[in-house]
Amino acid sequence: MVENSWTGLLALSEVIELNDLYETRIDNDSGGKILYIGYSQTANAPTDEKIWYLLKLEYDSNGFMSRKRLPDDGAGFLYTWDDRATYFS
């Protein structure tokens, strides 16, 4: 950890992750497991605009998360949150 010598406080970059700075949406199944996570670089981002970075979570037969998938067309802020399920085969 990096300590700021004049205050003794941790540097902000050591405390937060890059994803903490994004607008985040989460979609759960009926059992409460997270299915999709979406990030946008815009606060209060519209869900129908192609400004979302999407991930799909998959689970093994025991119910443990086994994979984070990118959309079929790859990574990027290229997708709409509203159509998240259509981007994965």
PDB file of N, CA and C in Angstrom:
ATOM      1  N   MET A   1       0.819  -1.182   0.000  1.00  0.00           N
ATOM      2  CA  MET A   1       0.000   0.000   0.000  1.00  0.00           C
ATOM      3  C   MET A   1       0.867   1.251   0.000  1.00  0.00           C
ATOM      4  N   VAL A   2       0.378   2.275  -0.675  1.00  0.00           N
ATOM      5  CA  VAL A   2       1.095   3.537  -0.742  1.00  0.00           C
ATOM      6  C   VAL A   2       0.511   4.479   0.293  1.00  0.00           C
ATOM      7  N   GLU A   3       1.365   5.066   1.089  1.00  0.00           N
ATOM      8  CA  GLU A   3       0.903   5.984   2.119  1.00  0.00           C
ATOM      9  C   GLU A   3       1.314   7.395   1.751  1.00  0.00           C
ATOM     10  N   ASN A   4       0.383   8.315   1.887  1.00  0.00           N
ATOM     11  CA  ASN A   4       0.670   9.715   1.630  1.00  0.00           C
ATOM     12  C   ASN A   4       1.445  10.243   2.826  1.00  0.00           C
ATOM     13  N   SER A   5       2.683  10.672   2.621  1.00  0.00           N
ATOM     14  CA  SER A   5       3.573  11.017   3.734  1.00  0.00           C
ATOM     15  C   SER A   5       3.124  12.232   4.526  1.00  0.00           C
ATOM     16  N   TRP A   6       2.389  13.142   3.938  1.00  0.00           N
ATOM     17  CA  TRP A   6       2.015  14.342   4.678  1.00  0.00           C
ATOM     18  C   TRP A   6       0.750  14.182   5.497  1.00  0.00           C
ATOM     19  N   THR A   7      -0.063  13.180   5.224  1.00  0.00           N
ATOM     20  CA  THR A   7      -1.279  12.995   6.009  1.00  0.00           C
ATOM     21  C   THR A   7      -1.361  11.627   6.662  1.00  0.00           C
ATOM     22  N   GLY A   8      -0.583  10.674   6.176  1.00  0.00           N
ATOM     23  CA  GLY A   8      -0.673   9.317   6.699  1.00  0.00           C
ATOM     24  C   GLY A   8      -1.857   8.550   6.143  1.00  0.00           C
ATOM     25  N   LEU A   9      -2.583   9.095   5.171  1.00  0.00           N
ATOM     26  CA  LEU A   9      -3.731   8.432   4.567  1.00  0.00           C
ATOM     27  C   LEU A   9      -3.292   7.617   3.368  1.00  0.00           C
ATOM     28  N   LEU A  10      -4.024   6.559   3.087  1.00  0.00           N
ATOM     29  CA  LEU A  10      -3.739   5.747   1.907  1.00  0.00           C
ATOM     30  C   LEU A  10      -4.069   6.539   0.652  1.00  0.00           C
ATOM     31  N   ALA A  11      -3.293   6.342  -0.387  1.00  0.00           N
ATOM     32  CA  ALA A  11      -3.587   6.962  -1.670  1.00  0.00           C
ATOM     33  C   ALA A  11      -4.893   6.382  -2.211  1.00  0.00           C
ATOM     34  N   LEU A  12      -5.724   7.225  -2.785  1.00  0.00           N
ATOM     35  CA  LEU A  12      -7.018   6.796  -3.302  1.00  0.00           C
ATOM     36  C   LEU A  12      -6.876   5.652  -4.294  1.00  0.00           C
ATOM     37  N   SER A  13      -5.859   5.687  -5.129  1.00  0.00           N
ATOM     38  CA  SER A  13      -5.671   4.643  -6.131  1.00  0.00           C
ATOM     39  C   SER A  13      -5.378   3.283  -5.516  1.00  0.00           C
ATOM     40  N   GLU A  14      -4.978   3.233  -4.278  1.00  0.00           N
ATOM     41  CA  GLU A  14      -4.711   1.968  -3.597  1.00  0.00           C
ATOM     42  C   GLU A  14      -5.947   1.422  -2.894  1.00  0.00           C
ATOM     43  N   VAL A  15      -6.982   2.227  -2.779  1.00  0.00           N
ATOM     44  CA  VAL A  15      -8.173   1.843  -2.021  1.00  0.00           C
ATOM     45  C   VAL A  15      -9.309   1.390  -2.928  1.00  0.00           C
ATOM     46  N   ILE A  16      -9.462   2.024  -4.077  1.00  0.00           N
ATOM     47  CA  ILE A  16     -10.581   1.695  -4.954  1.00  0.00           C
ATOM     48  C   ILE A  16     -10.096   0.996  -6.208  1.00  0.00           C
ATOM     49  N   GLU A  17     -10.976   0.245  -6.798  1.00  0.00           N
ATOM     50  CA  GLU A  17     -10.722  -0.422  -8.068  1.00  0.00           C
ATOM     51  C   GLU A  17     -11.264   0.464  -9.186  1.00  0.00           C
ATOM     52  N   LEU A  18     -10.749   0.277 -10.397  1.00  0.00           N
ATOM     53  CA  LEU A  18     -11.206   1.062 -11.535  1.00  0.00           C
ATOM     54  C   LEU A  18     -12.711   0.915 -11.736  1.00  0.00           C
ATOM     55  N   ASN A  19     -13.254  -0.290 -11.564  1.00  0.00           N
ATOM     56  CA  ASN A  19     -14.688  -0.512 -11.753  1.00  0.00           C
ATOM     57  C   ASN A  19     -15.536   0.256 -10.758  1.00  0.00           C
ATOM     58  N   ASP A  20     -14.968   0.677  -9.627  1.00  0.00           N
ATOM     59  CA  ASP A  20     -15.713   1.461  -8.646  1.00  0.00           C
ATOM     60  C   ASP A  20     -16.092   2.827  -9.192  1.00  0.00           C
ATOM     61  N   LEU A  21     -15.427   3.266 -10.249  1.00  0.00           N
ATOM     62  CA  LEU A  21     -15.686   4.580 -10.811  1.00  0.00           C
ATOM     63  C   LEU A  21     -16.756   4.552 -11.895  1.00  0.00           C
ATOM     64  N   TYR A  22     -17.288   3.387 -12.197  1.00  0.00           N
ATOM     65  CA  TYR A  22     -18.285   3.240 -13.240  1.00  0.00           C
ATOM     66  C   TYR A  22     -19.684   3.101 -12.654  1.00  0.00           C
ATOM     67  N   GLU A  23     -20.662   3.530 -13.451  1.00  0.00           N
ATOM     68  CA  GLU A  23     -22.058   3.208 -13.157  1.00  0.00           C
ATOM     69  C   GLU A  23     -22.178   1.692 -13.335  1.00  0.00           C
ATOM     70  N   THR A  24     -22.795   1.011 -12.398  1.00  0.00           N
ATOM     71  CA  THR A  24     -22.879  -0.446 -12.445  1.00  0.00           C
ATOM     72  C   THR A  24     -24.325  -0.905 -12.347  1.00  0.00           C
ATOM     73  N   ARG A  25     -24.675  -1.861 -13.170  1.00  0.00           N
ATOM     74  CA  ARG A  25     -25.985  -2.525 -13.093  1.00  0.00           C
ATOM     75  C   ARG A  25     -25.749  -4.011 -12.922  1.00  0.00           C
ATOM     76  N   ILE A  26     -26.665  -4.652 -12.205  1.00  0.00           N
ATOM     77  CA  ILE A  26     -26.562  -6.085 -11.941  1.00  0.00           C
ATOM     78  C   ILE A  26     -27.925  -6.716 -12.188  1.00  0.00           C
ATOM     79  N   ASP A  27     -27.927  -7.864 -12.849  1.00  0.00           N
ATOM     80  CA  ASP A  27     -29.152  -8.624 -13.120  1.00  0.00           C
ATOM     81  C   ASP A  27     -29.021  -9.981 -12.445  1.00  0.00           C
ATOM     82  N   ASN A  28     -29.973 -10.316 -11.587  1.00  0.00           N
ATOM     83  CA  ASN A  28     -29.975 -11.581 -10.844  1.00  0.00           C
ATOM     84  C   ASN A  28     -31.038 -12.524 -11.388  1.00  0.00           C
ATOM     85  N   ASP A  29     -30.817 -13.831 -11.199  1.00  0.00           N
ATOM     86  CA  ASP A  29     -31.868 -14.793 -11.517  1.00  0.00           C
ATOM     87  C   ASP A  29     -32.841 -14.861 -10.338  1.00  0.00           C
ATOM     88  N   SER A  30     -33.849 -15.707 -10.431  1.00  0.00           N
ATOM     89  CA  SER A  30     -34.865 -15.786  -9.380  1.00  0.00           C
ATOM     90  C   SER A  30     -34.318 -16.293  -8.054  1.00  0.00           C
ATOM     91  N   GLY A  31     -33.160 -16.977  -8.089  1.00  0.00           N
ATOM     92  CA  GLY A  31     -32.539 -17.472  -6.862  1.00  0.00           C
ATOM     93  C   GLY A  31     -31.549 -16.502  -6.244  1.00  0.00           C
ATOM     94  N   GLY A  32     -31.352 -15.355  -6.904  1.00  0.00           N
ATOM     95  CA  GLY A  32     -30.452 -14.349  -6.372  1.00  0.00           C
ATOM     96  C   GLY A  32     -29.033 -14.383  -6.913  1.00  0.00           C
ATOM     97  N   LYS A  33     -28.727 -15.346  -7.784  1.00  0.00           N
ATOM     98  CA  LYS A  33     -27.391 -15.393  -8.377  1.00  0.00           C
ATOM     99  C   LYS A  33     -27.258 -14.301  -9.424  1.00  0.00           C
ATOM    100  N   ILE A  34     -26.092 -13.674  -9.453  1.00  0.00           N
ATOM    101  CA  ILE A  34     -25.834 -12.648 -10.458  1.00  0.00           C
ATOM    102  C   ILE A  34     -25.626 -13.314 -11.810  1.00  0.00           C
ATOM    103  N   LEU A  35     -26.384 -12.843 -12.812  1.00  0.00           N
ATOM    104  CA  LEU A  35     -26.252 -13.356 -14.171  1.00  0.00           C
ATOM    105  C   LEU A  35     -25.432 -12.423 -15.052  1.00  0.00           C
ATOM    106  N   TYR A  36     -25.723 -11.127 -14.963  1.00  0.00           N
ATOM    107  CA  TYR A  36     -25.063 -10.141 -15.800  1.00  0.00           C
ATOM    108  C   TYR A  36     -24.614  -8.961 -14.947  1.00  0.00           C
ATOM    109  N   ILE A  37     -23.462  -8.395 -15.324  1.00  0.00           N
ATOM    110  CA  ILE A  37     -22.969  -7.156 -14.731  1.00  0.00           C
ATOM    111  C   ILE A  37     -22.678  -6.215 -15.885  1.00  0.00           C
ATOM    112  N   GLY A  38     -23.114  -4.977 -15.754  1.00  0.00           N
ATOM    113  CA  GLY A  38     -22.838  -3.972 -16.775  1.00  0.00           C
ATOM    114  C   GLY A  38     -22.195  -2.752 -16.163  1.00  0.00           C
ATOM    115  N   TYR A  39     -21.214  -2.197 -16.873  1.00  0.00           N
ATOM    116  CA  TYR A  39     -20.523  -0.988 -16.436  1.00  0.00           C
ATOM    117  C   TYR A  39     -20.680   0.081 -17.517  1.00  0.00           C
ATOM    118  N   SER A  40     -20.886   1.310 -17.077  1.00  0.00           N
ATOM    119  CA  SER A  40     -20.906   2.448 -17.984  1.00  0.00           C
ATOM    120  C   SER A  40     -20.033   3.543 -17.398  1.00  0.00           C
ATOM    121  N   GLN A  41     -19.400   4.304 -18.258  1.00  0.00           N
ATOM    122  CA  GLN A  41     -18.563   5.406 -17.809  1.00  0.00           C
ATOM    123  C   GLN A  41     -19.365   6.676 -17.592  1.00  0.00           C
ATOM    124  N   THR A  42     -20.683   6.586 -17.781  1.00  0.00           N
ATOM    125  CA  THR A  42     -21.574   7.729 -17.648  1.00  0.00           C
ATOM    126  C   THR A  42     -22.476   7.559 -16.434  1.00  0.00           C
ATOM    127  N   ALA A  43     -22.522   8.570 -15.582  1.00  0.00           N
ATOM    128  CA  ALA A  43     -23.423   8.520 -14.421  1.00  0.00           C
ATOM    129  C   ALA A  43     -24.871   8.516 -14.903  1.00  0.00           C
ATOM    130  N   ASN A  44     -25.715   7.732 -14.230  1.00  0.00           N
ATOM    131  CA  ASN A  44     -27.133   7.610 -14.590  1.00  0.00           C
ATOM    132  C   ASN A  44     -27.306   7.255 -16.065  1.00  0.00           C
ATOM    133  N   ALA A  45     -26.479   6.358 -16.533  1.00  0.00           N
ATOM    134  CA  ALA A  45     -26.434   6.001 -17.951  1.00  0.00           C
ATOM    135  C   ALA A  45     -27.753   5.426 -18.442  1.00  0.00           C
ATOM    136  N   PRO A  46     -28.196   5.856 -19.619  1.00  0.00           N
ATOM    137  CA  PRO A  46     -29.388   5.263 -20.217  1.00  0.00           C
ATOM    138  C   PRO A  46     -29.122   3.796 -20.557  1.00  0.00           C
ATOM    139  N   THR A  47     -30.063   2.942 -20.281  1.00  0.00           N
ATOM    140  CA  THR A  47     -29.872   1.507 -20.486  1.00  0.00           C
ATOM    141  C   THR A  47     -30.045   1.082 -21.941  1.00  0.00           C
ATOM    142  N   ASP A  48     -30.572   1.975 -22.773  1.00  0.00           N
ATOM    143  CA  ASP A  48     -30.806   1.623 -24.176  1.00  0.00           C
ATOM    144  C   ASP A  48     -29.738   2.173 -25.123  1.00  0.00           C
ATOM    145  N   GLU A  49     -28.686   2.770 -24.579  1.00  0.00           N
ATOM    146  CA  GLU A  49     -27.604   3.286 -25.422  1.00  0.00           C
ATOM    147  C   GLU A  49     -26.421   2.331 -25.413  1.00  0.00           C
ATOM    148  N   LYS A  50     -25.693   2.297 -26.509  1.00  0.00           N
ATOM    149  CA  LYS A  50     -24.540   1.400 -26.650  1.00  0.00           C
ATOM    150  C   LYS A  50     -23.310   2.000 -25.972  1.00  0.00           C
ATOM    151  N   ILE A  51     -23.375   2.024 -24.637  1.00  0.00           N
ATOM    152  CA  ILE A  51     -22.297   2.595 -23.827  1.00  0.00           C
ATOM    153  C   ILE A  51     -21.958   1.676 -22.650  1.00  0.00           C
ATOM    154  N   TRP A  52     -22.357   0.425 -22.733  1.00  0.00           N
ATOM    155  CA  TRP A  52     -22.181  -0.508 -21.622  1.00  0.00           C
ATOM    156  C   TRP A  52     -21.119  -1.553 -21.923  1.00  0.00           C
ATOM    157  N   TYR A  53     -20.330  -1.878 -20.908  1.00  0.00           N
ATOM    158  CA  TYR A  53     -19.376  -2.982 -20.917  1.00  0.00           C
ATOM    159  C   TYR A  53     -20.053  -4.109 -20.155  1.00  0.00           C
ATOM    160  N   LEU A  54     -20.224  -5.255 -20.776  1.00  0.00           N
ATOM    161  CA  LEU A  54     -21.013  -6.331 -20.176  1.00  0.00           C
ATOM    162  C   LEU A  54     -20.176  -7.560 -19.832  1.00  0.00           C
ATOM    163  N   LEU A  55     -20.600  -8.235 -18.776  1.00  0.00           N
ATOM    164  CA  LEU A  55     -20.064  -9.537 -18.387  1.00  0.00           C
ATOM    165  C   LEU A  55     -21.227 -10.449 -18.051  1.00  0.00           C
ATOM    166  N   LYS A  56     -21.096 -11.711 -18.394  1.00  0.00           N
ATOM    167  CA  LYS A  56     -22.079 -12.722 -18.004  1.00  0.00           C
ATOM    168  C   LYS A  56     -21.373 -13.701 -17.073  1.00  0.00           C
ATOM    169  N   LEU A  57     -21.985 -13.993 -15.934  1.00  0.00           N
ATOM    170  CA  LEU A  57     -21.415 -14.936 -14.983  1.00  0.00           C
ATOM    171  C   LEU A  57     -22.045 -16.303 -15.191  1.00  0.00           C
ATOM    172  N   GLU A  58     -21.207 -17.330 -15.118  1.00  0.00           N
ATOM    173  CA  GLU A  58     -21.693 -18.704 -15.237  1.00  0.00           C
ATOM    174  C   GLU A  58     -21.320 -19.465 -13.972  1.00  0.00           C
ATOM    175  N   TYR A  59     -22.098 -20.495 -13.684  1.00  0.00           N
ATOM    176  CA  TYR A  59     -21.953 -21.250 -12.440  1.00  0.00           C
ATOM    177  C   TYR A  59     -21.802 -22.734 -12.739  1.00  0.00           C
ATOM    178  N   ASP A  60     -21.059 -23.427 -11.875  1.00  0.00           N
ATOM    179  CA  ASP A  60     -20.895 -24.874 -12.038  1.00  0.00           C
ATOM    180  C   ASP A  60     -22.097 -25.603 -11.435  1.00  0.00           C
ATOM    181  N   SER A  61     -22.085 -26.918 -11.488  1.00  0.00           N
ATOM    182  CA  SER A  61     -23.225 -27.712 -11.010  1.00  0.00           C
ATOM    183  C   SER A  61     -23.435 -27.599  -9.503  1.00  0.00           C
ATOM    184  N   ASN A  62     -22.432 -27.118  -8.775  1.00  0.00           N
ATOM    185  CA  ASN A  62     -22.573 -26.913  -7.327  1.00  0.00           C
ATOM    186  C   ASN A  62     -23.059 -25.508  -6.975  1.00  0.00           C
ATOM    187  N   GLY A  63     -23.256 -24.684  -7.995  1.00  0.00           N
ATOM    188  CA  GLY A  63     -23.739 -23.338  -7.765  1.00  0.00           C
ATOM    189  C   GLY A  63     -22.651 -22.301  -7.516  1.00  0.00           C
ATOM    190  N   PHE A  64     -21.393 -22.685  -7.725  1.00  0.00           N
ATOM    191  CA  PHE A  64     -20.286 -21.757  -7.543  1.00  0.00           C
ATOM    192  C   PHE A  64     -19.960 -21.076  -8.875  1.00  0.00           C
ATOM    193  N   MET A  65     -19.606 -19.807  -8.818  1.00  0.00           N
ATOM    194  CA  MET A  65     -19.250 -19.094 -10.034  1.00  0.00           C
ATOM    195  C   MET A  65     -18.012 -19.735 -10.651  1.00  0.00           C
ATOM    196  N   SER A  66     -18.103 -20.028 -11.940  1.00  0.00           N
ATOM    197  CA  SER A  66     -16.999 -20.703 -12.609  1.00  0.00           C
ATOM    198  C   SER A  66     -16.400 -19.907 -13.766  1.00  0.00           C
ATOM    199  N   ARG A  67     -17.115 -18.858 -14.193  1.00  0.00           N
ATOM    200  CA  ARG A  67     -16.622 -18.134 -15.365  1.00  0.00           C
ATOM    201  C   ARG A  67     -17.263 -16.761 -15.458  1.00  0.00           C
ATOM    202  N   LYS A  68     -16.474 -15.777 -15.885  1.00  0.00           N
ATOM    203  CA  LYS A  68     -16.975 -14.466 -16.295  1.00  0.00           C
ATOM    204  C   LYS A  68     -16.752 -14.375 -17.795  1.00  0.00           C
ATOM    205  N   ARG A  69     -17.838 -14.245 -18.544  1.00  0.00           N
ATOM    206  CA  ARG A  69     -17.753 -14.244 -20.007  1.00  0.00           C
ATOM    207  C   ARG A  69     -17.888 -12.845 -20.576  1.00  0.00           C
ATOM    208  N   LEU A  70     -17.161 -12.606 -21.658  1.00  0.00           N
ATOM    209  CA  LEU A  70     -17.338 -11.401 -22.458  1.00  0.00           C
ATOM    210  C   LEU A  70     -18.389 -11.684 -23.529  1.00  0.00           C
ATOM    211  N   PRO A  71     -19.020 -10.649 -24.060  1.00  0.00           N
ATOM    212  CA  PRO A  71     -19.953 -10.857 -25.175  1.00  0.00           C
ATOM    213  C   PRO A  71     -19.249 -11.493 -26.367  1.00  0.00           C
ATOM    214  N   ASP A  72     -20.010 -12.108 -27.245  1.00  0.00           N
ATOM    215  CA  ASP A  72     -19.463 -12.786 -28.418  1.00  0.00           C
ATOM    216  C   ASP A  72     -18.599 -11.857 -29.283  1.00  0.00           C
ATOM    217  N   ASP A  73     -18.944 -10.587 -29.350  1.00  0.00           N
ATOM    218  CA  ASP A  73     -18.199  -9.636 -30.172  1.00  0.00           C
ATOM    219  C   ASP A  73     -17.033  -8.991 -29.431  1.00  0.00           C
ATOM    220  N   GLY A  74     -16.751  -9.429 -28.208  1.00  0.00           N
ATOM    221  CA  GLY A  74     -15.581  -8.954 -27.481  1.00  0.00           C
ATOM    222  C   GLY A  74     -15.856  -7.856 -26.474  1.00  0.00           C
ATOM    223  N   ALA A  75     -14.769  -7.407 -25.864  1.00  0.00           N
ATOM    224  CA  ALA A  75     -14.836  -6.424 -24.796  1.00  0.00           C
ATOM    225  C   ALA A  75     -14.972  -5.012 -25.354  1.00  0.00           C
ATOM    226  N   GLY A  76     -15.600  -4.167 -24.583  1.00  0.00           N
ATOM    227  CA  GLY A  76     -15.711  -2.758 -24.946  1.00  0.00           C
ATOM    228  C   GLY A  76     -17.017  -2.176 -24.460  1.00  0.00           C
ATOM    229  N   PHE A  77     -17.082  -0.879 -24.457  1.00  0.00           N
ATOM    230  CA  PHE A  77     -18.313  -0.173 -24.085  1.00  0.00           C
ATOM    231  C   PHE A  77     -19.160  -0.033 -25.345  1.00  0.00           C
ATOM    232  N   LEU A  78     -19.643  -1.186 -25.837  1.00  0.00           N
ATOM    233  CA  LEU A  78     -20.280  -1.278 -27.155  1.00  0.00           C
ATOM    234  C   LEU A  78     -21.718  -1.759 -27.109  1.00  0.00           C
ATOM    235  N   TYR A  79     -22.265  -1.984 -25.940  1.00  0.00           N
ATOM    236  CA  TYR A  79     -23.518  -2.721 -25.829  1.00  0.00           C
ATOM    237  C   TYR A  79     -24.578  -1.931 -25.063  1.00  0.00           C
ATOM    238  N   THR A  80     -25.834  -2.338 -25.248  1.00  0.00           N
ATOM    239  CA  THR A  80     -26.913  -1.768 -24.439  1.00  0.00           C
ATOM    240  C   THR A  80     -27.207  -2.719 -23.284  1.00  0.00           C
ATOM    241  N   TRP A  81     -27.519  -2.154 -22.141  1.00  0.00           N
ATOM    242  CA  TRP A  81     -27.886  -2.971 -20.992  1.00  0.00           C
ATOM    243  C   TRP A  81     -29.195  -3.702 -21.277  1.00  0.00           C
ATOM    244  N   ASP A  82     -30.120  -3.024 -21.933  1.00  0.00           N
ATOM    245  CA  ASP A  82     -31.440  -3.612 -22.203  1.00  0.00           C
ATOM    246  C   ASP A  82     -31.358  -4.903 -23.008  1.00  0.00           C
ATOM    247  N   ASP A  83     -30.373  -5.024 -23.893  1.00  0.00           N
ATOM    248  CA  ASP A  83     -30.251  -6.195 -24.772  1.00  0.00           C
ATOM    249  C   ASP A  83     -29.167  -7.164 -24.316  1.00  0.00           C
ATOM    250  N   ARG A  84     -28.765  -7.099 -23.062  1.00  0.00           N
ATOM    251  CA  ARG A  84     -27.618  -7.862 -22.543  1.00  0.00           C
ATOM    252  C   ARG A  84     -27.682  -9.356 -22.862  1.00  0.00           C
ATOM    253  N   ALA A  85     -28.827  -9.971 -22.771  1.00  0.00           N
ATOM    254  CA  ALA A  85     -28.927 -11.414 -22.976  1.00  0.00           C
ATOM    255  C   ALA A  85     -28.685 -11.833 -24.432  1.00  0.00           C
ATOM    256  N   THR A  86     -28.825 -10.902 -25.353  1.00  0.00           N
ATOM    257  CA  THR A  86     -28.687 -11.239 -26.781  1.00  0.00           C
ATOM    258  C   THR A  86     -27.237 -11.251 -27.255  1.00  0.00           C
ATOM    259  N   TYR A  87     -26.305 -10.775 -26.449  1.00  0.00           N
ATOM    260  CA  TYR A  87     -24.911 -10.658 -26.863  1.00  0.00           C
ATOM    261  C   TYR A  87     -24.070 -11.896 -26.573  1.00  0.00           C
ATOM    262  N   PHE A  88     -24.660 -12.893 -25.945  1.00  0.00           N
ATOM    263  CA  PHE A  88     -23.921 -14.094 -25.558  1.00  0.00           C
ATOM    264  C   PHE A  88     -24.555 -15.310 -26.195  1.00  0.00           C
ATOM    265  N   SER A  89     -23.732 -16.182 -26.809  1.00  0.00           N
ATOM    266  CA  SER A  89     -24.300 -17.396 -27.426  1.00  0.00           C
ATOM    267  C   SER A  89     -24.306 -18.525 -26.417  1.00  0.00           C
TER     268      SER A  89
END
